Amino acid sequence: MKHYGTLAIAAALALAALPLLSAETSQPAEASAPPPLPFHTIEGYGGGAITPIAYLVNPATDGSIFGLPSFAASYVNAGKKNLLALTATETLWGRLELSYGYDKFGVGSLDDDILAATGVNIGRSDVKLQTLSARALLLKEGSYDLADLPALTFGVHLKKNTGITEIDDRLGGALTSIGLHDDIGVEYTLTASKSFAPGGGPVIVSAGLRNSSAAHLGLLGFADERRTTFEGNIVVIPTSWLLLAYEFRQKDGPYGTILGLVGREDNWHAIDASWLINSHATLVVGWAALGTLANTKENDAWFAQLKYEF
């Protein structure tokens, strides 16, 4: 319950800060608005496939409280493992993005490898991860009459895993023994984004920090210890219908290993290409190098996402 309290407090603080922030940034520097970004991350909030961008998803453009909702379905094929993600966002006051992500992760050969190594049938071929996120836009890009000031967004992400506790129980606490004690965790993100127009289509550069206790996003649970890692992306929009991006997400799982079954996490890299179908729909395809995912190396993953904004 303490995690739900943390999310509630963070959301309340963000809401309380909105009037002050709006007053402070009521006279932004005149600059072209950033181009619309078509992605949901696989965890639900706005960004690329695996990293956030400070711009919020689909805010209202007429000063209304409610922006229009956005929905996406994503699929990742990583060797024998796979991930299905269903995500939704809603942005309020143009300042607070609320999102939900449902991830179903197929563990691939992990259950067979555990059976071969321990003689234990874990009884599951997948685990599920739900993510509730609140991201507050602390600074608008170009506010305070500073054209070079990036957008800055703070996020709180509450995660709940279904299935990992059952697996740990069947293994006699093997995951607990390497520090993965929990099936609920909270992450914090701070992301800055700045758009440029170097003589062609817009270029957007984002960089941020993430504080987390998650193992593989939380798909293998959460540790007692926490780590702060770097993440970022570069987005290029060369034409009115095409978006290209590179993403990097540092991984530093705060837990031990089980030889042949749970390895150390590797940094993630992704390359994305998005077709801006129209003003509402986008189709994203991409490739990712994900390194070790529990018991296997997955450096040739492919993914696709279809997103619709009302």
Protein backbone atom coordinates (compact mmCIF):
# COMPACT_ATOMS: atom_id res chain seq x y z
CA MET A 1 0.00 0.00 0.00
CA LYS A 2 2.90 2.35 0.57
CA HIS A 3 3.56 2.36 -3.19
CA TYR A 4 0.00 3.48 -3.96
CA GLY A 5 0.44 6.24 -1.39
CA THR A 6 3.61 7.38 -3.12
CA LEU A 7 1.81 7.64 -6.46
CA ALA A 8 -1.11 9.52 -4.93
CA ILE A 9 1.18 12.02 -3.20
CA ALA A 10 3.21 12.59 -6.38
CA ALA A 11 0.07 13.13 -8.44
CA ALA A 12 -1.33 15.53 -5.85
CA LEU A 13 1.89 17.53 -5.83
CA ALA A 14 1.85 17.71 -9.61
CA LEU A 15 -1.74 18.94 -9.61
CA ALA A 16 -1.01 21.50 -6.92
CA ALA A 17 1.92 22.85 -8.90
CA LEU A 18 -0.03 23.33 -12.13
CA PRO A 19 -1.45 26.83 -11.47
CA LEU A 20 1.96 28.13 -10.37
CA LEU A 21 3.72 26.56 -13.32
CA SER A 22 1.14 27.96 -15.73
CA ALA A 23 1.62 31.44 -14.28
CA GLU A 24 5.39 31.21 -14.50
CA THR A 25 5.31 30.10 -18.13
CA SER A 26 2.46 32.24 -19.39
CA GLN A 27 4.87 34.20 -21.61
CA PRO A 28 6.89 31.54 -23.45
CA ALA A 29 9.41 32.49 -26.07
CA GLU A 30 7.96 32.45 -29.53
CA ALA A 31 9.04 29.23 -31.16
CA SER A 32 7.52 26.65 -33.40
CA ALA A 33 5.61 24.00 -31.48
CA PRO A 34 7.26 20.59 -31.34
CA PRO A 35 5.96 18.11 -33.92
CA PRO A 36 3.48 15.47 -32.73
CA LEU A 37 5.14 12.32 -31.47
CA PRO A 38 3.41 9.07 -32.40
CA PHE A 39 4.79 6.70 -29.81
CA HIS A 40 3.66 5.09 -26.61
CA THR A 41 6.43 3.30 -24.75
CA ILE A 42 5.75 -0.37 -24.07
CA GLU A 43 5.10 0.72 -20.45
CA GLY A 44 2.36 3.15 -21.50
CA TYR A 45 3.65 6.72 -21.15
CA GLY A 46 4.70 9.01 -23.97
CA GLY A 47 8.04 8.58 -25.73
CA GLY A 48 9.74 6.13 -28.03
CA ALA A 49 9.33 2.39 -27.75
CA ILE A 50 11.58 2.04 -24.66
CA THR A 51 12.41 5.59 -23.47
CA PRO A 52 10.32 8.66 -22.55
CA ILE A 53 10.17 12.04 -24.26
CA ALA A 54 9.34 15.15 -22.21
CA TYR A 55 6.48 16.18 -24.50
CA LEU A 56 3.12 14.83 -23.29
CA VAL A 57 0.81 12.75 -25.45
CA ASN A 58 -2.09 14.45 -27.24
CA PRO A 59 -2.75 17.46 -24.95
CA ALA A 60 -5.71 19.75 -25.65
CA THR A 61 -4.86 22.60 -28.02
CA ASP A 62 -7.77 24.91 -27.12
CA GLY A 63 -7.11 25.46 -23.42
CA SER A 64 -9.50 22.71 -22.33
CA ILE A 65 -8.84 20.62 -19.22
CA PHE A 66 -9.10 17.30 -21.01
CA GLY A 67 -7.04 16.30 -24.00
CA LEU A 68 -8.32 13.47 -26.13
CA PRO A 69 -7.32 9.91 -25.17
CA SER A 70 -4.80 7.81 -27.08
CA PHE A 71 -4.54 4.04 -27.35
CA ALA A 72 -1.90 1.70 -28.72
CA ALA A 73 -1.18 -1.99 -29.20
CA SER A 74 2.45 -3.13 -29.44
CA TYR A 75 4.09 -6.49 -30.07
CA VAL A 76 7.76 -7.41 -29.52
CA ASN A 77 9.29 -10.61 -30.88
CA ALA A 78 12.59 -11.28 -29.11
CA GLY A 79 13.71 -14.73 -30.20
CA LYS A 80 11.57 -17.25 -28.34
CA LYS A 81 10.36 -14.56 -25.95
CA ASN A 82 7.62 -12.10 -26.81
CA LEU A 83 5.76 -9.15 -25.33
CA LEU A 84 2.24 -7.86 -25.97
CA ALA A 85 1.58 -4.32 -24.71
CA LEU A 86 -1.78 -2.54 -24.55
CA THR A 87 -1.47 1.12 -23.52
CA ALA A 88 -3.59 4.23 -23.02
CA THR A 89 -2.92 7.88 -22.16
CA GLU A 90 -4.93 10.95 -21.16
CA THR A 91 -3.43 14.42 -20.67
CA LEU A 92 -5.04 17.01 -18.38
CA TRP A 93 -4.54 20.81 -18.45
CA GLY A 94 -1.77 20.24 -21.00
CA ARG A 95 0.45 19.54 -17.98
CA LEU A 96 -0.36 16.13 -16.50
CA GLU A 97 -0.19 12.93 -18.51
CA LEU A 98 -1.87 9.86 -17.00
CA SER A 99 -1.22 6.47 -18.55
CA TYR A 100 -1.84 2.77 -18.17
CA GLY A 101 0.17 -0.07 -19.62
CA TYR A 102 -0.61 -3.79 -19.65
CA ASP A 103 2.29 -6.05 -20.67
CA LYS A 104 2.06 -9.81 -21.18
CA PHE A 105 5.55 -11.31 -21.36
CA GLY A 106 6.05 -14.79 -22.79
CA VAL A 107 9.06 -16.31 -21.01
CA GLY A 108 10.04 -18.52 -23.94
CA SER A 109 12.49 -21.28 -22.99
CA LEU A 110 12.88 -20.10 -19.39
CA ASP A 111 10.33 -22.58 -18.00
CA ASP A 112 12.04 -25.49 -19.82
CA ASP A 113 15.50 -24.40 -18.64
CA ILE A 114 14.27 -24.14 -15.05
CA LEU A 115 12.73 -27.60 -15.30
CA ALA A 116 15.98 -29.05 -16.69
CA ALA A 117 18.14 -27.35 -14.03
CA THR A 118 15.95 -27.87 -10.96
CA GLY A 119 13.31 -30.43 -11.80
CA VAL A 120 10.66 -27.83 -10.91
CA ASN A 121 7.76 -27.01 -13.23
CA ILE A 122 7.01 -23.33 -12.68
CA GLY A 123 3.53 -23.81 -14.13
CA ARG A 124 3.55 -20.61 -16.19
CA SER A 125 4.57 -19.62 -19.69
CA ASP A 126 4.10 -15.90 -19.10
CA VAL A 127 3.99 -13.12 -16.51
CA LYS A 128 2.02 -9.88 -16.62
CA LEU A 129 3.03 -6.34 -15.70
CA GLN A 130 0.67 -3.42 -15.16
CA THR A 131 1.98 0.15 -15.02
CA LEU A 132 0.15 3.26 -13.83
CA SER A 133 2.04 6.47 -14.59
CA ALA A 134 1.64 10.17 -13.88
CA ARG A 135 3.98 12.60 -15.68
CA ALA A 136 3.95 16.33 -14.91
CA LEU A 137 5.33 18.86 -17.38
CA LEU A 138 7.43 21.01 -15.04
CA LEU A 139 8.79 23.32 -17.74
CA LYS A 140 7.46 24.08 -21.18
CA GLU A 141 10.02 24.29 -23.93
CA GLY A 142 11.17 27.87 -24.42
CA SER A 143 9.46 29.19 -21.27
CA TYR A 144 10.73 32.19 -19.24
CA ASP A 145 11.60 33.84 -22.57
CA LEU A 146 14.52 31.40 -22.89
CA ALA A 147 14.39 29.90 -26.35
CA ASP A 148 17.05 27.30 -25.48
CA LEU A 149 15.20 25.98 -22.43
CA PRO A 150 14.11 22.36 -22.96
CA ALA A 151 10.83 20.84 -21.88
CA LEU A 152 11.23 19.06 -18.53
CA THR A 153 8.92 16.30 -17.30
CA PHE A 154 8.88 14.38 -14.00
CA GLY A 155 7.21 10.98 -13.86
CA VAL A 156 6.09 8.50 -11.22
CA HIS A 157 5.43 4.95 -12.41
CA LEU A 158 3.70 2.37 -10.20
CA LYS A 159 4.19 -1.22 -11.37
CA LYS A 160 2.52 -4.50 -10.36
CA ASN A 161 3.70 -7.92 -11.54
CA THR A 162 1.34 -10.88 -11.69
CA GLY A 163 2.99 -14.30 -11.82
CA ILE A 164 6.51 -13.74 -10.54
CA THR A 165 5.58 -14.45 -6.89
CA GLU A 166 4.04 -17.77 -7.93
CA ILE A 167 7.21 -18.70 -9.81
CA ASP A 168 9.37 -17.73 -6.82
CA ASP A 169 7.22 -19.83 -4.48
CA ARG A 170 7.53 -22.87 -6.74
CA LEU A 171 11.31 -22.37 -6.77
CA GLY A 172 11.48 -22.25 -2.98
CA GLY A 173 12.39 -18.56 -2.88
CA ALA A 174 15.21 -18.69 -5.44
CA LEU A 175 14.37 -15.21 -6.76
CA THR A 176 14.10 -13.83 -3.24
CA SER A 177 17.57 -15.23 -2.52
CA ILE A 178 19.11 -13.00 -5.23
CA GLY A 179 17.33 -9.89 -4.00
CA LEU A 180 14.06 -9.95 -5.97
CA HIS A 181 11.73 -9.63 -3.00
CA ASP A 182 8.71 -7.76 -4.38
CA ASP A 183 6.06 -7.91 -7.08
CA ILE A 184 5.28 -4.17 -6.73
CA GLY A 185 7.69 -1.32 -7.43
CA VAL A 186 7.79 2.42 -8.08
CA GLU A 187 10.04 4.17 -10.61
CA TYR A 188 10.83 7.86 -10.98
CA THR A 189 11.86 9.53 -14.24
CA LEU A 190 13.12 13.01 -15.08
CA THR A 191 13.25 13.77 -18.81
CA ALA A 192 14.37 16.82 -20.80
CA SER A 193 13.59 17.27 -24.51
CA LYS A 194 14.58 19.97 -27.00
CA SER A 195 13.60 20.32 -30.65
CA PHE A 196 15.84 21.80 -33.33
CA ALA A 197 15.38 22.62 -37.01
CA PRO A 198 18.85 22.35 -38.61
CA GLY A 199 17.86 23.35 -42.12
CA GLY A 200 15.55 20.39 -42.68
CA GLY A 201 12.94 18.43 -40.79
CA PRO A 202 12.74 18.78 -37.00
CA VAL A 203 15.22 16.95 -34.77
CA ILE A 204 14.30 16.20 -31.16
CA VAL A 205 16.90 15.24 -28.55
CA SER A 206 15.86 13.81 -25.18
CA ALA A 207 17.90 12.79 -22.15
CA GLY A 208 16.84 11.71 -18.70
CA LEU A 209 17.38 9.78 -15.49
CA ARG A 210 15.44 6.83 -14.08
CA ASN A 211 15.48 5.65 -10.46
CA SER A 212 14.23 2.07 -10.19
CA SER A 213 14.42 -1.26 -8.39
CA ALA A 214 13.01 -3.23 -11.34
CA ALA A 215 14.41 -6.38 -12.92
CA HIS A 216 13.79 -6.24 -16.68
CA LEU A 217 11.20 -3.44 -16.38
CA GLY A 218 9.62 -5.37 -13.49
CA LEU A 219 8.88 -8.46 -15.56
CA LEU A 220 11.07 -10.46 -13.13
CA GLY A 221 9.99 -8.47 -10.06
CA PHE A 222 11.60 -5.78 -7.94
CA ALA A 223 14.55 -5.60 -5.55
CA ASP A 224 14.98 -3.80 -2.24
CA GLU A 225 17.88 -1.75 -3.62
CA ARG A 226 17.54 0.96 -6.25
CA ARG A 227 19.69 2.24 -9.11
CA THR A 228 19.71 5.52 -11.05
CA THR A 229 20.39 5.10 -14.76
CA PHE A 230 20.60 7.24 -17.91
CA GLU A 231 18.33 7.05 -20.95
CA GLY A 232 17.79 9.10 -24.05
CA ASN A 233 16.74 9.23 -27.69
CA ILE A 234 17.17 11.19 -30.91
CA VAL A 235 14.17 11.68 -33.21
CA VAL A 236 14.39 12.90 -36.81
CA ILE A 237 11.34 13.81 -38.92
CA PRO A 238 12.67 14.07 -42.49
CA THR A 239 9.25 14.29 -44.17
CA SER A 240 5.67 15.01 -43.17
CA TRP A 241 4.87 11.28 -43.00
CA LEU A 242 8.08 9.68 -41.68
CA LEU A 243 9.72 9.65 -38.25
CA LEU A 244 13.05 7.94 -37.45
CA ALA A 245 14.52 7.46 -33.99
CA TYR A 246 17.37 5.92 -32.03
CA GLU A 247 16.89 5.04 -28.35
CA PHE A 248 19.27 4.08 -25.54
CA ARG A 249 18.30 2.81 -22.10
CA GLN A 250 20.95 2.00 -19.53
CA LYS A 251 20.22 -1.09 -17.42
CA ASP A 252 21.68 -1.78 -13.98
CA GLY A 253 19.51 -4.32 -12.19
CA PRO A 254 20.13 -4.24 -8.40
CA TYR A 255 20.01 -8.00 -7.85
CA GLY A 256 22.11 -11.14 -8.11
CA THR A 257 22.19 -13.86 -10.77
CA ILE A 258 21.33 -17.54 -11.10
CA LEU A 259 23.74 -19.29 -13.47
CA GLY A 260 22.06 -20.13 -16.76
CA LEU A 261 18.65 -18.85 -15.64
CA VAL A 262 18.85 -15.19 -14.55
CA GLY A 263 21.77 -13.20 -15.98
CA ARG A 264 22.86 -9.59 -15.63
CA GLU A 265 20.90 -7.05 -17.63
CA ASP A 266 22.50 -5.34 -20.62
CA ASN A 267 21.88 -1.85 -21.94
CA TRP A 268 19.07 -1.59 -24.48
CA HIS A 269 19.28 -0.05 -27.95
CA ALA A 270 16.40 0.47 -30.38
CA ILE A 271 15.90 1.90 -33.87
CA ASP A 272 12.37 3.02 -34.77
CA ALA A 273 10.62 4.04 -37.98
CA SER A 274 7.10 5.46 -37.87
CA TRP A 275 4.60 6.10 -40.63
CA LEU A 276 2.43 9.08 -39.74
CA ILE A 277 -0.68 7.70 -41.43
CA ASN A 278 -2.84 10.74 -40.74
CA SER A 279 -3.52 13.21 -37.92
CA HIS A 280 -4.85 10.40 -35.72
CA ALA A 281 -3.03 7.14 -36.52
CA THR A 282 0.60 6.05 -36.58
CA LEU A 283 2.31 2.76 -37.34
CA VAL A 284 5.73 2.13 -35.79
CA VAL A 285 8.14 -0.69 -36.61
CA GLY A 286 11.60 -1.18 -35.17
CA TRP A 287 14.55 -3.31 -34.20
CA ALA A 288 16.16 -3.65 -30.77
CA ALA A 289 19.22 -5.15 -29.13
CA LEU A 290 18.05 -6.17 -25.65
CA GLY A 291 20.98 -8.28 -24.48
CA THR A 292 20.31 -10.78 -21.72
CA LEU A 293 16.64 -11.44 -20.98
CA ALA A 294 16.76 -13.79 -17.99
CA ASN A 295 18.25 -16.95 -19.57
CA THR A 296 18.96 -15.94 -23.19
CA LYS A 297 20.62 -13.22 -25.26
CA GLU A 298 18.11 -11.33 -27.41
CA ASN A 299 20.02 -8.93 -29.66
CA ASP A 300 17.76 -9.24 -32.68
CA ALA A 301 14.30 -8.24 -31.49
CA TRP A 302 11.61 -6.77 -33.74
CA PHE A 303 8.59 -4.78 -32.71
CA ALA A 304 5.54 -3.04 -34.13
CA GLN A 305 2.99 -0.61 -32.71
CA LEU A 306 -0.30 0.77 -33.97
CA LYS A 307 -1.44 3.91 -32.13
CA TYR A 308 -4.61 5.95 -32.46
CA GLU A 309 -5.25 9.43 -31.08
CA PHE A 310 -8.85 10.66 -30.92
